[in-house]
């Protein structure tokens, strides 16, 4: 018979103190990790915001007072059109009229055309936000010394016009409308493909397939491995299958569209769909696995078939977890760049995507292209585009979270 003896009080107190000390050390390590993460993310956000706002030193190639007696901001629509007609060459004016009749354009568009085509702003230097706030006098003195004829203005590169203006070769007039619409099209196509296919695969693997069979274990292992494959590999796959092998479909040729090739939004969306498909399958499987087996047995007990049990009981209970997986899938799809470069994303597109069978660009591609430019003003609008991308991502995530919470309350 084994006899158990209790430790002496002194040994017990020492043992308990050691455990508390160990727990305190681990708690301190975890807290330090959290603080490092918060500081890192805060530094990233501050760096982006620092580049999107600040003073700008610029000058006009042509003085606005020489083309109009009144300030441009006070001119009516007809007066703005008259200024364009008087100062542009006949060919340039007719080209603008052919693209979109000037009478059909808004006063803001006409004003921007005058600034871009006639007055022609030249940005001399940009200053980050924090320096603009705390070193205003030094910046003014520097501008007076280096650029005597320049104007100094505090500018927010992130503005409503930035969201509604297409791409331009001049940073002062460039916007993200085309890239923003392209990103929304891309995520929509990717999720429309990956969500039903991924959930269907998860249902089969979890509810129908023999989990102990060799084939099922091989499939499961490959799905887990595919979730960690570098995105550039998916880009090569998309180029080979969607851009080349399925060009008749992805270019829209089978639907009568003949002015495009396979490098379209459809190819990019399907490539992104395959990229996030393993993530959707794995998260959907975990959500289905988390549904108590008693729910299935209760459905079988009242005479329901397996499919009726899945459709009426398992899927509704697993839906919040499935939507959580879709959040992660959207987050990855909206931020990828490498596969889209291979599939054929354009870096300069001024025409909005009207269908899945058009040329495209997306926000990550646009940001990459702007940051590669040597001019500081392009770096500033790249920072503004990063903020737009983060807001878009948070909007998508918030929508998915609201849907998830709604289904959780319902079931």
Protein backbone atom coordinates (compact mmCIF):
# COMPACT_ATOMS: atom_id res chain seq x y z
CA UNK A 1 0.00 0.00 0.00
CA UNK A 2 1.42 3.35 -1.10
CA UNK A 3 1.40 6.06 1.50
CA UNK A 4 1.13 9.67 0.40
CA UNK A 5 2.64 12.34 2.58
CA UNK A 6 1.90 16.03 2.38
CA UNK A 7 4.87 18.41 2.01
CA UNK A 8 5.93 20.49 4.93
CA UNK A 9 4.46 23.97 5.15
CA UNK A 10 7.73 25.62 4.20
CA UNK A 11 8.15 23.39 1.12
CA UNK A 12 4.53 23.96 0.13
CA UNK A 13 4.87 27.73 0.39
CA UNK A 14 8.07 27.61 -1.68
CA UNK A 15 6.36 25.46 -4.33
CA UNK A 16 3.31 27.74 -4.54
CA UNK A 17 5.53 30.85 -4.73
CA UNK A 18 7.49 29.26 -7.58
CA UNK A 19 4.32 28.52 -9.52
CA UNK A 20 3.04 32.07 -9.06
CA UNK A 21 6.40 33.45 -10.17
CA UNK A 22 6.41 31.24 -13.28
CA UNK A 23 2.85 32.30 -14.11
CA UNK A 24 3.81 35.96 -13.64
CA UNK A 25 6.79 35.59 -15.99
CA UNK A 26 4.63 34.03 -18.72
CA UNK A 27 1.98 36.69 -18.26
CA UNK A 28 4.65 39.36 -18.62
CA UNK A 29 5.95 37.72 -21.83
CA UNK A 30 2.46 37.57 -23.33
CA UNK A 31 1.78 41.19 -22.37
CA UNK A 32 5.11 42.22 -23.94
CA UNK A 33 4.17 40.43 -27.16
CA UNK A 34 0.85 42.27 -27.21
CA UNK A 35 2.53 45.63 -26.65
CA UNK A 36 5.07 44.95 -29.41
CA UNK A 37 2.24 44.09 -31.80
CA UNK A 38 0.32 47.25 -30.89
CA UNK A 39 3.41 49.45 -31.25
CA UNK A 40 4.29 47.89 -34.61
CA UNK A 41 0.79 48.36 -36.03
CA UNK A 42 0.60 51.91 -34.66
CA UNK A 43 3.95 52.77 -36.24
CA UNK A 44 2.72 51.40 -39.57
CA UNK A 45 -0.50 53.41 -39.47
CA UNK A 46 1.28 56.59 -38.38
CA UNK A 47 3.78 56.22 -41.20
CA UNK A 48 0.95 55.87 -43.74
CA UNK A 49 -0.98 58.84 -42.34
CA UNK A 50 2.23 60.90 -42.22
CA UNK A 51 2.61 60.49 -45.98
CA UNK A 52 -1.01 61.14 -46.95
CA UNK A 53 -1.21 64.70 -45.55
CA UNK A 54 1.11 67.67 -45.36
CA UNK A 55 2.35 70.85 -47.01
CA UNK A 56 3.00 70.94 -50.75
CA UNK A 57 5.15 73.49 -52.56
CA UNK A 58 3.94 74.00 -56.13
CA UNK A 59 3.83 76.52 -58.93
CA UNK A 60 1.66 77.14 -61.98
CA UNK A 61 3.04 76.97 -65.50
CA UNK A 62 0.39 79.53 -66.46
CA UNK A 63 -1.01 82.09 -64.04
CA UNK A 64 -4.80 81.61 -63.56
CA UNK A 65 -5.31 85.39 -63.66
CA UNK A 66 -4.16 85.45 -67.31
CA UNK A 67 -6.98 83.20 -68.54
CA UNK A 68 -9.89 84.61 -66.55
CA UNK A 69 -10.72 87.88 -64.86
CA UNK A 70 -12.64 86.10 -62.13
CA UNK A 71 -11.26 83.32 -59.91
CA UNK A 72 -11.75 79.92 -61.49
CA UNK A 73 -13.78 78.74 -58.48
CA UNK A 74 -16.43 81.42 -59.21
CA UNK A 75 -16.88 80.61 -62.92
CA UNK A 76 -20.09 79.03 -64.14
CA UNK A 77 -20.19 75.86 -66.22
CA UNK A 78 -20.55 77.76 -69.50
CA UNK A 79 -17.67 80.07 -68.56
CA UNK A 80 -15.43 77.09 -67.77
CA UNK A 81 -16.20 75.57 -71.18
CA UNK A 82 -15.40 78.91 -72.82
CA UNK A 83 -12.03 79.03 -71.02
CA UNK A 84 -11.19 75.53 -72.28
CA UNK A 85 -12.20 76.41 -75.84
CA UNK A 86 -10.16 79.61 -75.81
CA UNK A 87 -6.95 78.13 -74.40
CA UNK A 88 -6.81 74.62 -75.90
CA UNK A 89 -5.85 73.79 -79.43
CA UNK A 90 -8.69 72.80 -81.74
CA UNK A 91 -7.49 69.16 -81.82
CA UNK A 92 -7.18 68.88 -78.02
CA UNK A 93 -10.62 70.45 -77.50
CA UNK A 94 -12.28 68.15 -80.04
CA UNK A 95 -10.63 65.12 -78.42
CA UNK A 96 -12.09 66.05 -75.03
CA UNK A 97 -15.47 66.68 -76.63
CA UNK A 98 -15.35 63.28 -78.34
CA UNK A 99 -14.47 61.41 -75.12
CA UNK A 100 -17.33 62.98 -73.17
CA UNK A 101 -19.23 66.09 -74.28
CA UNK A 102 -18.11 69.02 -72.13
CA UNK A 103 -21.72 70.09 -71.61
CA UNK A 104 -22.38 66.71 -69.95
CA UNK A 105 -19.47 67.08 -67.49
CA UNK A 106 -19.77 68.56 -64.02
CA UNK A 107 -18.26 71.87 -62.97
CA UNK A 108 -15.69 69.98 -60.89
CA UNK A 109 -14.54 67.95 -63.91
CA UNK A 110 -14.27 71.07 -66.05
CA UNK A 111 -12.30 72.86 -63.32
CA UNK A 112 -9.89 69.93 -63.06
CA UNK A 113 -9.43 69.91 -66.84
CA UNK A 114 -8.44 73.58 -66.76
CA UNK A 115 -5.99 72.97 -63.93
CA UNK A 116 -4.50 69.92 -65.66
CA UNK A 117 -4.45 71.00 -69.31
CA UNK A 118 -4.04 74.78 -69.17
CA UNK A 119 -2.66 75.99 -65.83
CA UNK A 120 -0.57 72.81 -65.34
CA UNK A 121 0.46 72.51 -61.69
CA UNK A 122 4.05 71.49 -61.08
CA UNK A 123 4.70 70.00 -57.63
CA UNK A 124 8.12 71.07 -56.39
CA UNK A 125 8.28 69.37 -53.00
CA UNK A 126 6.06 67.59 -50.51
CA UNK A 127 6.37 67.55 -46.73
CA UNK A 128 5.06 64.86 -44.36
CA UNK A 129 2.29 65.56 -41.86
CA UNK A 130 4.24 65.67 -38.61
CA UNK A 131 6.90 67.93 -40.02
CA UNK A 132 4.17 70.16 -41.45
CA UNK A 133 2.55 70.42 -38.02
CA UNK A 134 5.67 71.03 -35.93
CA UNK A 135 8.07 72.73 -38.36
CA UNK A 136 5.81 75.09 -40.27
CA UNK A 137 8.13 78.10 -40.00
CA UNK A 138 11.15 76.12 -41.14
CA UNK A 139 9.22 74.78 -44.15
CA UNK A 140 8.07 78.28 -45.14
CA UNK A 141 11.64 79.60 -44.92
CA UNK A 142 12.96 76.65 -46.94
CA UNK A 143 10.36 77.18 -49.69
CA UNK A 144 11.07 80.93 -49.88
CA UNK A 145 14.77 80.22 -50.28
CA UNK A 146 14.59 77.32 -52.75
CA UNK A 147 11.46 78.24 -54.73
CA UNK A 148 10.83 82.01 -54.63
CA UNK A 149 7.79 81.82 -56.96
CA UNK A 150 6.22 78.75 -55.38
CA UNK A 151 2.99 78.55 -53.44
CA UNK A 152 2.76 76.61 -50.19
CA UNK A 153 -0.46 74.81 -49.35
CA UNK A 154 -1.54 72.19 -46.81
CA UNK A 155 -3.00 69.34 -48.82
CA UNK A 156 -4.90 66.19 -48.00
CA UNK A 157 -4.05 63.75 -50.77
CA UNK A 158 -6.96 61.64 -49.53
CA UNK A 159 -10.10 63.47 -50.64
CA UNK A 160 -13.48 62.75 -52.26
CA UNK A 161 -11.97 63.67 -55.63
CA UNK A 162 -9.22 61.08 -55.05
CA UNK A 163 -11.90 58.38 -54.75
CA UNK A 164 -13.88 59.48 -57.81
CA UNK A 165 -11.03 60.29 -60.22
CA UNK A 166 -9.44 57.71 -62.53
CA UNK A 167 -5.72 57.14 -62.94
CA UNK A 168 -3.56 59.93 -64.38
CA UNK A 169 0.08 60.31 -65.32
CA UNK A 170 0.23 63.35 -63.01
CA UNK A 171 0.05 62.65 -59.29
CA UNK A 172 -1.84 65.89 -58.67
CA UNK A 173 -4.79 64.61 -60.72
CA UNK A 174 -4.55 60.86 -60.13
CA UNK A 175 -7.25 58.93 -58.30
CA UNK A 176 -8.15 55.38 -57.36
CA UNK A 177 -11.65 55.04 -58.81
CA UNK A 178 -10.65 52.50 -61.46
CA UNK A 179 -8.47 50.49 -59.05
CA UNK A 180 -11.15 50.60 -56.34
CA UNK A 181 -13.82 49.26 -58.68
CA UNK A 182 -11.37 46.63 -59.93
CA UNK A 183 -10.70 45.43 -56.37
CA UNK A 184 -14.43 45.14 -55.66
CA UNK A 185 -15.00 43.18 -58.87
CA UNK A 186 -12.05 40.93 -58.06
CA UNK A 187 -13.17 40.09 -54.52
CA UNK A 188 -16.73 39.51 -55.71
CA UNK A 189 -15.68 37.01 -58.38
CA UNK A 190 -13.23 35.25 -56.04
CA UNK A 191 -15.77 34.80 -53.24
CA UNK A 192 -18.57 33.84 -55.68
CA UNK A 193 -16.32 31.01 -56.87
CA UNK A 194 -14.51 29.96 -53.69
CA UNK A 195 -17.38 30.07 -51.17
CA UNK A 196 -19.83 27.58 -52.76
CA UNK A 197 -17.05 25.30 -54.03
CA UNK A 198 -15.18 25.39 -50.72
CA UNK A 199 -18.26 24.82 -48.57
CA UNK A 200 -19.41 22.01 -50.86
CA UNK A 201 -16.01 20.32 -50.61
CA UNK A 202 -16.02 20.74 -46.82
CA UNK A 203 -19.50 19.17 -46.55
CA UNK A 204 -18.44 16.15 -48.59
CA UNK A 205 -15.18 15.63 -46.70
CA UNK A 206 -16.80 16.05 -43.29
CA UNK A 207 -20.22 14.46 -43.75
CA UNK A 208 -20.02 11.96 -46.60
CA UNK A 209 -16.43 10.76 -47.13
CA UNK A 210 -14.93 7.94 -45.13
CA UNK A 211 -12.48 9.79 -42.89
CA UNK A 212 -10.35 6.69 -42.34
CA UNK A 213 -9.84 5.91 -46.03
CA UNK A 214 -6.45 6.48 -47.62
CA UNK A 215 -7.92 8.65 -50.41
CA UNK A 216 -9.63 10.98 -47.95
CA UNK A 217 -6.45 11.35 -45.87
CA UNK A 218 -4.44 12.18 -49.01
CA UNK A 219 -7.00 14.80 -50.08
CA UNK A 220 -7.07 16.32 -46.59
CA UNK A 221 -3.27 16.49 -46.43
CA UNK A 222 -3.07 18.19 -49.82
CA UNK A 223 -5.70 20.76 -48.88
CA UNK A 224 -3.73 21.64 -45.76
CA UNK A 225 -0.52 21.90 -47.81
CA UNK A 226 -2.16 24.05 -50.51
CA UNK A 227 -3.11 26.63 -47.88
CA UNK A 228 0.60 27.37 -47.44
CA UNK A 229 1.68 27.40 -51.10
CA UNK A 230 3.23 30.77 -52.14
CA UNK A 231 0.80 32.97 -54.03
CA UNK A 232 3.12 33.30 -57.02
CA UNK A 233 2.50 29.60 -57.77
CA UNK A 234 -1.23 30.28 -58.02
CA UNK A 235 -0.43 33.11 -60.41
CA UNK A 236 1.43 30.71 -62.70
CA UNK A 237 -1.50 28.30 -62.47
CA UNK A 238 -3.94 31.07 -63.36
CA UNK A 239 -1.80 32.11 -66.32
CA UNK A 240 -1.67 28.57 -67.70
CA UNK A 241 -5.33 27.63 -67.13
CA UNK A 242 -7.51 30.75 -67.10
CA UNK A 243 -5.53 33.14 -69.31
CA UNK A 244 -4.39 30.63 -71.96
CA UNK A 245 -6.31 27.33 -71.81
CA UNK A 246 -9.68 28.96 -71.04
CA UNK A 247 -9.15 32.16 -73.03
CA UNK A 248 -12.39 31.70 -74.99
CA UNK A 249 -14.31 31.95 -71.71
CA UNK A 250 -12.23 34.42 -69.69
CA UNK A 251 -11.89 36.85 -72.60
CA UNK A 252 -15.63 36.74 -73.28
CA UNK A 253 -15.15 35.49 -76.85
CA UNK A 254 -17.82 32.81 -76.41
CA UNK A 255 -20.24 35.59 -75.46
CA UNK A 256 -19.44 37.70 -78.50
CA UNK A 257 -16.80 39.97 -76.92
CA UNK A 258 -13.86 40.18 -79.33
CA UNK A 259 -11.80 43.18 -78.20
CA UNK A 260 -10.09 41.52 -75.20
CA UNK A 261 -7.76 38.62 -74.46
CA UNK A 262 -7.60 36.27 -71.48
CA UNK A 263 -5.97 38.85 -69.19
CA UNK A 264 -9.25 40.03 -67.70
CA UNK A 265 -10.99 40.44 -64.38
CA UNK A 266 -12.52 37.00 -64.80
CA UNK A 267 -9.08 35.34 -64.98
CA UNK A 268 -7.85 37.33 -61.98
CA UNK A 269 -10.97 36.60 -59.93
CA UNK A 270 -10.82 32.86 -60.61
CA UNK A 271 -7.10 32.84 -59.77
CA UNK A 272 -7.82 34.56 -56.47
CA UNK A 273 -10.68 32.13 -55.90
CA UNK A 274 -8.33 29.15 -56.21
CA UNK A 275 -5.82 30.96 -53.98
CA UNK A 276 -8.30 31.28 -51.09
CA UNK A 277 -10.12 28.00 -51.75
CA UNK A 278 -8.03 25.87 -49.31
CA UNK A 279 -8.59 28.49 -46.61
CA UNK A 280 -12.36 28.36 -47.17
CA UNK A 281 -12.41 24.55 -47.15
CA UNK A 282 -10.40 24.26 -43.92
CA UNK A 283 -12.46 26.87 -42.04
CA UNK A 284 -15.75 25.41 -43.29
CA UNK A 285 -14.66 21.93 -42.17
CA UNK A 286 -13.83 23.21 -38.70
CA UNK A 287 -17.18 25.00 -38.49
CA UNK A 288 -19.09 21.88 -39.56
CA UNK A 289 -17.05 19.70 -37.18
CA UNK A 290 -17.96 22.03 -34.30
CA UNK A 291 -21.70 21.34 -34.73
CA UNK A 292 -22.71 18.84 -31.99
CA UNK A 293 -23.33 15.33 -33.30
CA UNK A 294 -26.50 15.17 -31.21
CA UNK A 295 -28.15 17.58 -33.69
CA UNK A 296 -27.52 15.13 -36.54
CA UNK A 297 -28.77 12.18 -34.49
CA UNK A 298 -31.93 14.07 -33.54
CA UNK A 299 -32.62 14.82 -37.22
CA UNK A 300 -32.08 11.16 -38.15
CA UNK A 301 -34.37 10.15 -35.28
CA UNK A 302 -37.35 11.99 -36.78
CA UNK A 303 -36.77 10.46 -40.23
CA UNK A 304 -34.64 13.12 -41.95
CA UNK A 305 -32.21 12.05 -44.65
CA UNK A 306 -28.52 12.92 -44.40
CA UNK A 307 -28.91 15.83 -46.81
CA UNK A 308 -31.98 17.15 -44.97
CA UNK A 309 -30.01 16.98 -41.74
CA UNK A 310 -27.11 18.89 -43.29
CA UNK A 311 -29.25 21.54 -45.02
CA UNK A 312 -31.71 22.21 -42.20
CA UNK A 313 -29.55 21.76 -39.11
CA UNK A 314 -25.79 21.44 -39.69
CA UNK A 315 -25.25 24.30 -42.16
CA UNK A 316 -27.33 26.90 -40.25
CA UNK A 317 -25.35 26.16 -37.09
CA UNK A 318 -22.03 26.16 -38.95
CA UNK A 319 -22.76 29.32 -40.93
CA UNK A 320 -21.19 31.79 -38.45
CA UNK A 321 -17.91 29.85 -38.57
CA UNK A 322 -18.08 29.62 -42.37
CA UNK A 323 -18.52 33.39 -42.59
CA UNK A 324 -15.50 33.82 -40.33
CA UNK A 325 -13.50 31.83 -42.89
CA UNK A 326 -14.83 34.03 -45.67
CA UNK A 327 -13.50 37.07 -43.79
CA UNK A 328 -10.00 35.61 -43.83
CA UNK A 329 -10.40 34.67 -47.51
CA UNK A 330 -11.45 38.21 -48.49
CA UNK A 331 -8.60 39.70 -46.48
CA UNK A 332 -6.06 37.61 -48.37
CA UNK A 333 -7.65 38.07 -51.80
CA UNK A 334 -7.88 41.85 -51.58
CA UNK A 335 -4.22 42.31 -50.62
CA UNK A 336 -2.47 39.95 -53.05
CA UNK A 337 -0.28 41.39 -55.78
CA UNK A 338 2.09 38.76 -57.20
CA UNK A 339 -0.55 36.49 -58.86
CA UNK A 340 -2.25 39.49 -60.45
CA UNK A 341 1.00 40.71 -62.01
CA UNK A 342 1.44 37.32 -63.70
CA UNK A 343 -2.19 37.09 -64.78
CA UNK A 344 -1.89 40.48 -66.43
CA UNK A 345 -3.08 43.32 -64.20
CA UNK A 346 -2.43 46.70 -65.82
CA UNK A 347 -0.58 49.47 -64.03
CA UNK A 348 -2.27 52.28 -65.96
CA UNK A 349 -5.99 51.99 -66.69
CA UNK A 350 -8.30 55.00 -66.97
CA UNK A 351 -11.48 53.16 -68.02
CA UNK A 352 -13.73 51.72 -65.31
CA UNK A 353 -14.41 47.96 -65.48
CA UNK A 354 -17.87 47.44 -66.94
CA UNK A 355 -17.89 43.63 -66.93
CA UNK A 356 -15.73 40.67 -65.83
CA UNK A 357 -14.26 40.53 -69.35
CA UNK A 358 -12.32 43.80 -69.30
CA UNK A 359 -8.77 44.87 -68.54
CA UNK A 360 -8.27 45.74 -64.91
CA UNK A 361 -6.12 47.09 -62.16
CA UNK A 362 -6.54 46.81 -58.40
CA UNK A 363 -5.47 48.85 -55.40
CA UNK A 364 -2.37 46.77 -54.46
CA UNK A 365 -1.08 47.00 -58.05
CA UNK A 366 -1.72 50.73 -58.11
CA UNK A 367 0.05 51.23 -54.79
CA UNK A 368 3.02 49.15 -55.99
CA UNK A 369 3.26 51.20 -59.19
CA UNK A 370 3.11 54.53 -57.36
CA UNK A 371 5.68 53.59 -54.72
CA UNK A 372 8.09 52.58 -57.50
CA UNK A 373 8.03 56.13 -58.91
CA UNK A 374 10.84 58.45 -57.78
CA UNK A 375 8.65 61.55 -57.26
CA UNK A 376 7.56 62.30 -53.70
CA UNK A 377 4.04 63.23 -54.78
CA UNK A 378 3.46 59.68 -56.03
CA UNK A 379 4.58 58.36 -52.65
CA UNK A 380 2.01 60.66 -51.03
CA UNK A 381 -0.90 59.37 -53.15
CA UNK A 382 0.34 55.81 -52.53
CA UNK A 383 -0.07 56.46 -48.79
CA UNK A 384 -3.58 57.79 -49.45
CA UNK A 385 -4.37 54.66 -51.51
CA UNK A 386 -3.16 52.46 -48.64
CA UNK A 387 -5.68 54.15 -46.35
CA UNK A 388 -8.42 53.52 -48.93
CA UNK A 389 -7.37 49.84 -49.13
CA UNK A 390 -7.47 49.48 -45.33
CA UNK A 391 -10.91 51.11 -45.12
CA UNK A 392 -12.20 48.85 -47.92
CA UNK A 393 -10.84 45.78 -46.14
CA UNK A 394 -12.36 46.84 -42.82
CA UNK A 395 -15.69 47.49 -44.54
CA UNK A 396 -15.76 44.00 -46.05
CA UNK A 397 -14.74 42.45 -42.74
CA UNK A 398 -17.33 44.45 -40.78
CA UNK A 399 -20.05 43.36 -43.20
CA UNK A 400 -19.09 39.70 -42.82
CA UNK A 401 -18.95 40.04 -39.02
CA UNK A 402 -22.41 41.63 -38.91
CA UNK A 403 -23.81 38.80 -41.04
CA UNK A 404 -22.11 36.24 -38.80
CA UNK A 405 -23.54 37.81 -35.64
CA UNK A 406 -26.98 37.97 -37.20
CA UNK A 407 -26.95 34.25 -37.98
CA UNK A 408 -25.61 33.48 -34.50
CA UNK A 409 -28.57 35.27 -32.93
CA UNK A 410 -31.02 33.55 -35.27
CA UNK A 411 -29.77 30.06 -34.51
